[in-house]
Amino acid sequence: MRTISFTEFRNNASLLLSAVEKGEMVIVMRHGKPIAKIVPADKVEEGEKPLKKPALRLVIKGRNLSSAILEEREK
């Protein structure tokens, strides 16, 4: 586990995220207080909700969505 300042994170984000990809955990501190814990995606703790929700998929049988939209606009 590595502890770094916010400024160090901001200046070296790409390198730090590469280290996280390899399995390292990084704690980001601001004014001596922890503000973030960055862990590899496969190590997200049980029970945490993902930040992104699955996108809504619109499907119309027999034709693609863009043709259906264009047809609807012509009406």
PDB file of N, CA and C in Angstrom:
ATOM      1  N   MET A   1       0.861  -1.182   0.000  1.00  0.00           N
ATOM      2  CA  MET A   1       0.000   0.000   0.000  1.00  0.00           C
ATOM      3  C   MET A   1       0.897   1.232   0.000  1.00  0.00           C
ATOM      4  N   ARG A   2       0.523   2.189  -0.828  1.00  0.00           N
ATOM      5  CA  ARG A   2       1.292   3.426  -0.945  1.00  0.00           C
ATOM      6  C   ARG A   2       0.409   4.589  -0.509  1.00  0.00           C
ATOM      7  N   THR A   3       0.957   5.514   0.262  1.00  0.00           N
ATOM      8  CA  THR A   3       0.240   6.716   0.687  1.00  0.00           C
ATOM      9  C   THR A   3       0.907   7.908   0.023  1.00  0.00           C
ATOM     10  N   ILE A   4       0.095   8.730  -0.646  1.00  0.00           N
ATOM     11  CA  ILE A   4       0.631   9.882  -1.377  1.00  0.00           C
ATOM     12  C   ILE A   4      -0.222  11.113  -1.124  1.00  0.00           C
ATOM     13  N   SER A   5       0.357  12.281  -1.392  1.00  0.00           N
ATOM     14  CA  SER A   5      -0.408  13.522  -1.274  1.00  0.00           C
ATOM     15  C   SER A   5      -1.276  13.711  -2.513  1.00  0.00           C
ATOM     16  N   PHE A   6      -2.279  14.564  -2.391  1.00  0.00           N
ATOM     17  CA  PHE A   6      -3.147  14.856  -3.525  1.00  0.00           C
ATOM     18  C   PHE A   6      -2.345  15.457  -4.677  1.00  0.00           C
ATOM     19  N   THR A   7      -1.412  16.355  -4.355  1.00  0.00           N
ATOM     20  CA  THR A   7      -0.588  16.985  -5.381  1.00  0.00           C
ATOM     21  C   THR A   7       0.236  15.944  -6.130  1.00  0.00           C
ATOM     22  N   GLU A   8       0.812  14.993  -5.397  1.00  0.00           N
ATOM     23  CA  GLU A   8       1.581  13.930  -6.036  1.00  0.00           C
ATOM     24  C   GLU A   8       0.673  13.087  -6.930  1.00  0.00           C
ATOM     25  N   PHE A   9      -0.542  12.807  -6.463  1.00  0.00           N
ATOM     26  CA  PHE A   9      -1.478  12.051  -7.295  1.00  0.00           C
ATOM     27  C   PHE A   9      -1.803  12.810  -8.575  1.00  0.00           C
ATOM     28  N   ARG A  10      -2.097  14.095  -8.439  1.00  0.00           N
ATOM     29  CA  ARG A  10      -2.451  14.918  -9.600  1.00  0.00           C
ATOM     30  C   ARG A  10      -1.302  14.968 -10.609  1.00  0.00           C
ATOM     31  N   ASN A  11      -0.078  15.068 -10.117  1.00  0.00           N
ATOM     32  CA  ASN A  11       1.084  15.178 -11.005  1.00  0.00           C
ATOM     33  C   ASN A  11       1.499  13.847 -11.633  1.00  0.00           C
ATOM     34  N   ASN A  12       1.158  12.730 -10.978  1.00  0.00           N
ATOM     35  CA  ASN A  12       1.616  11.417 -11.438  1.00  0.00           C
ATOM     36  C   ASN A  12       0.480  10.415 -11.586  1.00  0.00           C
ATOM     37  N   ALA A  13      -0.722  10.882 -11.915  1.00  0.00           N
ATOM     38  CA  ALA A  13      -1.901  10.008 -11.944  1.00  0.00           C
ATOM     39  C   ALA A  13      -1.712   8.806 -12.856  1.00  0.00           C
ATOM     40  N   SER A  14      -1.166   9.006 -14.018  1.00  0.00           N
ATOM     41  CA  SER A  14      -1.010   7.901 -14.962  1.00  0.00           C
ATOM     42  C   SER A  14      -0.109   6.803 -14.395  1.00  0.00           C
ATOM     43  N   LEU A  15       1.019   7.192 -13.825  1.00  0.00           N
ATOM     44  CA  LEU A  15       1.937   6.205 -13.241  1.00  0.00           C
ATOM     45  C   LEU A  15       1.300   5.491 -12.049  1.00  0.00           C
ATOM     46  N   LEU A  16       0.584   6.246 -11.225  1.00  0.00           N
ATOM     47  CA  LEU A  16      -0.046   5.652 -10.048  1.00  0.00           C
ATOM     48  C   LEU A  16      -1.154   4.685 -10.443  1.00  0.00           C
ATOM     49  N   LEU A  17      -1.938   5.034 -11.454  1.00  0.00           N
ATOM     50  CA  LEU A  17      -3.001   4.133 -11.893  1.00  0.00           C
ATOM     51  C   LEU A  17      -2.422   2.875 -12.541  1.00  0.00           C
ATOM     52  N   SER A  18      -1.267   2.997 -13.150  1.00  0.00           N
ATOM     53  CA  SER A  18      -0.592   1.801 -13.677  1.00  0.00           C
ATOM     54  C   SER A  18      -0.192   0.880 -12.536  1.00  0.00           C
ATOM     55  N   ALA A  19       0.276   1.459 -11.427  1.00  0.00           N
ATOM     56  CA  ALA A  19       0.638   0.656 -10.255  1.00  0.00           C
ATOM     57  C   ALA A  19      -0.601  -0.028  -9.680  1.00  0.00           C
ATOM     58  N   VAL A  20      -1.737   0.676  -9.670  1.00  0.00           N
ATOM     59  CA  VAL A  20      -2.990   0.098  -9.181  1.00  0.00           C
ATOM     60  C   VAL A  20      -3.411  -1.060 -10.084  1.00  0.00           C
ATOM     61  N   GLU A  21      -3.238  -0.891 -11.382  1.00  0.00           N
ATOM     62  CA  GLU A  21      -3.558  -1.965 -12.328  1.00  0.00           C
ATOM     63  C   GLU A  21      -2.775  -3.228 -12.014  1.00  0.00           C
ATOM     64  N   LYS A  22      -1.559  -3.061 -11.512  1.00  0.00           N
ATOM     65  CA  LYS A  22      -0.698  -4.203 -11.196  1.00  0.00           C
ATOM     66  C   LYS A  22      -0.988  -4.784  -9.815  1.00  0.00           C
ATOM     67  N   GLY A  23      -1.988  -4.220  -9.117  1.00  0.00           N
ATOM     68  CA  GLY A  23      -2.403  -4.795  -7.845  1.00  0.00           C
ATOM     69  C   GLY A  23      -2.111  -3.969  -6.610  1.00  0.00           C
ATOM     70  N   GLU A  24      -1.451  -2.848  -6.764  1.00  0.00           N
ATOM     71  CA  GLU A  24      -1.116  -2.017  -5.609  1.00  0.00           C
ATOM     72  C   GLU A  24      -2.307  -1.160  -5.183  1.00  0.00           C
ATOM     73  N   MET A  25      -2.427  -0.893  -3.887  1.00  0.00           N
ATOM     74  CA  MET A  25      -3.469  -0.013  -3.375  1.00  0.00           C
ATOM     75  C   MET A  25      -2.821   1.334  -3.043  1.00  0.00           C
ATOM     76  N   VAL A  26      -3.513   2.434  -3.372  1.00  0.00           N
ATOM     77  CA  VAL A  26      -2.979   3.775  -3.150  1.00  0.00           C
ATOM     78  C   VAL A  26      -3.979   4.564  -2.301  1.00  0.00           C
ATOM     79  N   ILE A  27      -3.473   5.187  -1.241  1.00  0.00           N
ATOM     80  CA  ILE A  27      -4.275   6.082  -0.400  1.00  0.00           C
ATOM     81  C   ILE A  27      -3.849   7.510  -0.727  1.00  0.00           C
ATOM     82  N   VAL A  28      -4.815   8.367  -1.078  1.00  0.00           N
ATOM     83  CA  VAL A  28      -4.532   9.764  -1.400  1.00  0.00           C
ATOM     84  C   VAL A  28      -4.889  10.619  -0.188  1.00  0.00           C
ATOM     85  N   MET A  29      -3.932  11.456   0.216  1.00  0.00           N
ATOM     86  CA  MET A  29      -4.104  12.307   1.403  1.00  0.00           C
ATOM     87  C   MET A  29      -4.191  13.773   0.981  1.00  0.00           C
ATOM     88  N   ARG A  30      -5.013  14.530   1.700  1.00  0.00           N
ATOM     89  CA  ARG A  30      -5.071  15.987   1.526  1.00  0.00           C
ATOM     90  C   ARG A  30      -5.025  16.599   2.908  1.00  0.00           C
ATOM     91  N   HIS A  31      -4.062  17.467   3.132  1.00  0.00           N
ATOM     92  CA  HIS A  31      -3.873  18.122   4.437  1.00  0.00           C
ATOM     93  C   HIS A  31      -3.760  17.089   5.552  1.00  0.00           C
ATOM     94  N   GLY A  32      -3.076  15.978   5.251  1.00  0.00           N
ATOM     95  CA  GLY A  32      -2.826  14.957   6.263  1.00  0.00           C
ATOM     96  C   GLY A  32      -3.991  14.017   6.532  1.00  0.00           C
ATOM     97  N   LYS A  33      -5.086  14.154   5.788  1.00  0.00           N
ATOM     98  CA  LYS A  33      -6.252  13.287   5.995  1.00  0.00           C
ATOM     99  C   LYS A  33      -6.511  12.471   4.732  1.00  0.00           C
ATOM    100  N   PRO A  34      -6.839  11.188   4.894  1.00  0.00           N
ATOM    101  CA  PRO A  34      -7.126  10.376   3.709  1.00  0.00           C
ATOM    102  C   PRO A  34      -8.428  10.820   3.043  1.00  0.00           C
ATOM    103  N   ILE A  35      -8.372  10.981   1.707  1.00  0.00           N
ATOM    104  CA  ILE A  35      -9.578  11.380   0.978  1.00  0.00           C
ATOM    105  C   ILE A  35     -10.009  10.330  -0.036  1.00  0.00           C
ATOM    106  N   ALA A  36      -9.101   9.416  -0.396  1.00  0.00           N
ATOM    107  CA  ALA A  36      -9.461   8.398  -1.393  1.00  0.00           C
ATOM    108  C   ALA A  36      -8.599   7.160  -1.207  1.00  0.00           C
ATOM    109  N   LYS A  37      -9.213   6.012  -1.487  1.00  0.00           N
ATOM    110  CA  LYS A  37      -8.484   4.751  -1.523  1.00  0.00           C
ATOM    111  C   LYS A  37      -8.703   4.195  -2.928  1.00  0.00           C
ATOM    112  N   ILE A  38      -7.614   3.993  -3.650  1.00  0.00           N
ATOM    113  CA  ILE A  38      -7.703   3.497  -5.021  1.00  0.00           C
ATOM    114  C   ILE A  38      -7.214   2.059  -5.028  1.00  0.00           C
ATOM    115  N   VAL A  39      -8.100   1.156  -5.425  1.00  0.00           N
ATOM    116  CA  VAL A  39      -7.776  -0.271  -5.451  1.00  0.00           C
ATOM    117  C   VAL A  39      -8.051  -0.818  -6.846  1.00  0.00           C
ATOM    118  N   PRO A  40      -7.412  -1.927  -7.202  1.00  0.00           N
ATOM    119  CA  PRO A  40      -7.705  -2.532  -8.502  1.00  0.00           C
ATOM    120  C   PRO A  40      -9.182  -2.896  -8.604  1.00  0.00           C
ATOM    121  N   ALA A  41      -9.728  -2.822  -9.809  1.00  0.00           N
ATOM    122  CA  ALA A  41     -11.154  -3.045 -10.026  1.00  0.00           C
ATOM    123  C   ALA A  41     -11.612  -4.415  -9.545  1.00  0.00           C
ATOM    124  N   ASP A  42     -10.796  -5.441  -9.699  1.00  0.00           N
ATOM    125  CA  ASP A  42     -11.212  -6.775  -9.279  1.00  0.00           C
ATOM    126  C   ASP A  42     -11.176  -6.956  -7.768  1.00  0.00           C
ATOM    127  N   LYS A  43     -10.646  -5.959  -7.055  1.00  0.00           N
ATOM    128  CA  LYS A  43     -10.590  -6.051  -5.605  1.00  0.00           C
ATOM    129  C   LYS A  43     -11.587  -5.123  -4.914  1.00  0.00           C
ATOM    130  N   VAL A  44     -12.593  -4.657  -5.650  1.00  0.00           N
ATOM    131  CA  VAL A  44     -13.626  -3.804  -5.060  1.00  0.00           C
ATOM    132  C   VAL A  44     -14.334  -4.615  -3.977  1.00  0.00           C
ATOM    133  N   GLU A  45     -14.500  -3.998  -2.840  1.00  0.00           N
ATOM    134  CA  GLU A  45     -15.065  -4.711  -1.694  1.00  0.00           C
ATOM    135  C   GLU A  45     -16.502  -5.141  -1.947  1.00  0.00           C
ATOM    136  N   GLU A  46     -16.848  -6.288  -1.390  1.00  0.00           N
ATOM    137  CA  GLU A  46     -18.202  -6.835  -1.514  1.00  0.00           C
ATOM    138  C   GLU A  46     -19.206  -5.833  -0.957  1.00  0.00           C
ATOM    139  N   GLY A  47     -20.288  -5.627  -1.658  1.00  0.00           N
ATOM    140  CA  GLY A  47     -21.342  -4.740  -1.168  1.00  0.00           C
ATOM    141  C   GLY A  47     -21.248  -3.322  -1.704  1.00  0.00           C
ATOM    142  N   GLU A  48     -20.108  -2.947  -2.291  1.00  0.00           N
ATOM    143  CA  GLU A  48     -20.003  -1.616  -2.865  1.00  0.00           C
ATOM    144  C   GLU A  48     -20.768  -1.579  -4.182  1.00  0.00           C
ATOM    145  N   LYS A  49     -21.478  -0.503  -4.414  1.00  0.00           N
ATOM    146  CA  LYS A  49     -22.251  -0.377  -5.646  1.00  0.00           C
ATOM    147  C   LYS A  49     -21.370   0.239  -6.724  1.00  0.00           C
ATOM    148  N   PRO A  50     -21.483  -0.237  -7.965  1.00  0.00           N
ATOM    149  CA  PRO A  50     -20.696   0.365  -9.048  1.00  0.00           C
ATOM    150  C   PRO A  50     -21.166   1.785  -9.326  1.00  0.00           C
ATOM    151  N   LEU A  51     -20.253   2.622  -9.805  1.00  0.00           N
ATOM    152  CA  LEU A  51     -20.590   4.012 -10.092  1.00  0.00           C
ATOM    153  C   LEU A  51     -21.442   4.145 -11.349  1.00  0.00           C
ATOM    154  N   LYS A  52     -21.218   3.261 -12.313  1.00  0.00           N
ATOM    155  CA  LYS A  52     -21.980   3.325 -13.557  1.00  0.00           C
ATOM    156  C   LYS A  52     -23.058   2.261 -13.565  1.00  0.00           C
ATOM    157  N   LYS A  53     -24.203   2.624 -14.094  1.00  0.00           N
ATOM    158  CA  LYS A  53     -25.296   1.669 -14.253  1.00  0.00           C
ATOM    159  C   LYS A  53     -25.312   1.198 -15.700  1.00  0.00           C
ATOM    160  N   PRO A  54     -25.771  -0.012 -15.940  1.00  0.00           N
ATOM    161  CA  PRO A  54     -25.843  -0.473 -17.334  1.00  0.00           C
ATOM    162  C   PRO A  54     -26.755   0.432 -18.158  1.00  0.00           C
ATOM    163  N   ALA A  55     -26.375   0.651 -19.402  1.00  0.00           N
ATOM    164  CA  ALA A  55     -27.149   1.523 -20.285  1.00  0.00           C
ATOM    165  C   ALA A  55     -28.451   0.843 -20.700  1.00  0.00           C
ATOM    166  N   LEU A  56     -29.454   1.633 -20.942  1.00  0.00           N
ATOM    167  CA  LEU A  56     -30.734   1.144 -21.430  1.00  0.00           C
ATOM    168  C   LEU A  56     -30.575   0.774 -22.900  1.00  0.00           C
ATOM    169  N   ARG A  57     -30.993  -0.419 -23.275  1.00  0.00           N
ATOM    170  CA  ARG A  57     -30.906  -0.878 -24.656  1.00  0.00           C
ATOM    171  C   ARG A  57     -32.293  -0.845 -25.282  1.00  0.00           C
ATOM    172  N   LEU A  58     -32.425  -0.154 -26.389  1.00  0.00           N
ATOM    173  CA  LEU A  58     -33.688  -0.081 -27.114  1.00  0.00           C
ATOM    174  C   LEU A  58     -33.593  -0.984 -28.335  1.00  0.00           C
ATOM    175  N   VAL A  59     -34.521  -1.917 -28.457  1.00  0.00           N
ATOM    176  CA  VAL A  59     -34.502  -2.858 -29.567  1.00  0.00           C
ATOM    177  C   VAL A  59     -35.893  -2.960 -30.166  1.00  0.00           C
ATOM    178  N   ILE A  60     -35.962  -2.877 -31.482  1.00  0.00           N
ATOM    179  CA  ILE A  60     -37.206  -3.094 -32.206  1.00  0.00           C
ATOM    180  C   ILE A  60     -36.948  -4.267 -33.144  1.00  0.00           C
ATOM    181  N   LYS A  61     -37.723  -5.324 -32.995  1.00  0.00           N
ATOM    182  CA  LYS A  61     -37.515  -6.524 -33.809  1.00  0.00           C
ATOM    183  C   LYS A  61     -37.708  -6.201 -35.285  1.00  0.00           C
ATOM    184  N   GLY A  62     -36.825  -6.720 -36.123  1.00  0.00           N
ATOM    185  CA  GLY A  62     -36.977  -6.610 -37.559  1.00  0.00           C
ATOM    186  C   GLY A  62     -36.287  -5.421 -38.199  1.00  0.00           C
ATOM    187  N   ARG A  63     -35.915  -4.414 -37.445  1.00  0.00           N
ATOM    188  CA  ARG A  63     -35.203  -3.277 -38.030  1.00  0.00           C
ATOM    189  C   ARG A  63     -34.332  -2.634 -36.962  1.00  0.00           C
ATOM    190  N   ASN A  64     -33.357  -1.865 -37.399  1.00  0.00           N
ATOM    191  CA  ASN A  64     -32.485  -1.242 -36.411  1.00  0.00           C
ATOM    192  C   ASN A  64     -33.099   0.057 -35.884  1.00  0.00           C
ATOM    193  N   LEU A  65     -32.600   0.505 -34.783  1.00  0.00           N
ATOM    194  CA  LEU A  65     -33.172   1.654 -34.094  1.00  0.00           C
ATOM    195  C   LEU A  65     -33.067   2.935 -34.917  1.00  0.00           C
ATOM    196  N   SER A  66     -31.948   3.136 -35.605  1.00  0.00           N
ATOM    197  CA  SER A  66     -31.793   4.378 -36.366  1.00  0.00           C
ATOM    198  C   SER A  66     -32.841   4.485 -37.476  1.00  0.00           C
ATOM    199  N   SER A  67     -33.159   3.355 -38.169  1.00  0.00           N
ATOM    200  CA  SER A  67     -34.206   3.430 -39.193  1.00  0.00           C
ATOM    201  C   SER A  67     -35.566   3.728 -38.565  1.00  0.00           C
ATOM    202  N   ALA A  68     -35.840   3.180 -37.407  1.00  0.00           N
ATOM    203  CA  ALA A  68     -37.110   3.440 -36.737  1.00  0.00           C
ATOM    204  C   ALA A  68     -37.226   4.912 -36.366  1.00  0.00           C
ATOM    205  N   ILE A  69     -36.127   5.511 -35.912  1.00  0.00           N
ATOM    206  CA  ILE A  69     -36.134   6.936 -35.542  1.00  0.00           C
ATOM    207  C   ILE A  69     -36.357   7.792 -36.776  1.00  0.00           C
ATOM    208  N   LEU A  70     -35.645   7.488 -37.851  1.00  0.00           N
ATOM    209  CA  LEU A  70     -35.819   8.267 -39.080  1.00  0.00           C
ATOM    210  C   LEU A  70     -37.234   8.150 -39.610  1.00  0.00           C
ATOM    211  N   GLU A  71     -37.788   6.978 -39.575  1.00  0.00           N
ATOM    212  CA  GLU A  71     -39.163   6.758 -40.040  1.00  0.00           C
ATOM    213  C   GLU A  71     -40.141   7.558 -39.177  1.00  0.00           C
ATOM    214  N   GLU A  72     -39.912   7.584 -37.871  1.00  0.00           N
ATOM    215  CA  GLU A  72     -40.786   8.309 -36.961  1.00  0.00           C
ATOM    216  C   GLU A  72     -40.713   9.815 -37.206  1.00  0.00           C
ATOM    217  N   ARG A  73     -39.533  10.302 -37.538  1.00  0.00           N
ATOM    218  CA  ARG A  73     -39.366  11.738 -37.808  1.00  0.00           C
ATOM    219  C   ARG A  73     -40.113  12.169 -39.062  1.00  0.00           C
ATOM    220  N   GLU A  74     -40.258  11.280 -40.025  1.00  0.00           N
ATOM    221  CA  GLU A  74     -40.945  11.610 -41.269  1.00  0.00           C
ATOM    222  C   GLU A  74     -42.453  11.749 -41.084  1.00  0.00           C
ATOM    223  N   LYS A  75     -42.985  11.180 -40.015  1.00  0.00           N
ATOM    224  CA  LYS A  75     -44.446  11.220 -39.774  1.00  0.00           C
ATOM    225  C   LYS A  75     -44.889  12.600 -39.348  1.00  0.00           C
TER     226      LYS A  75
END
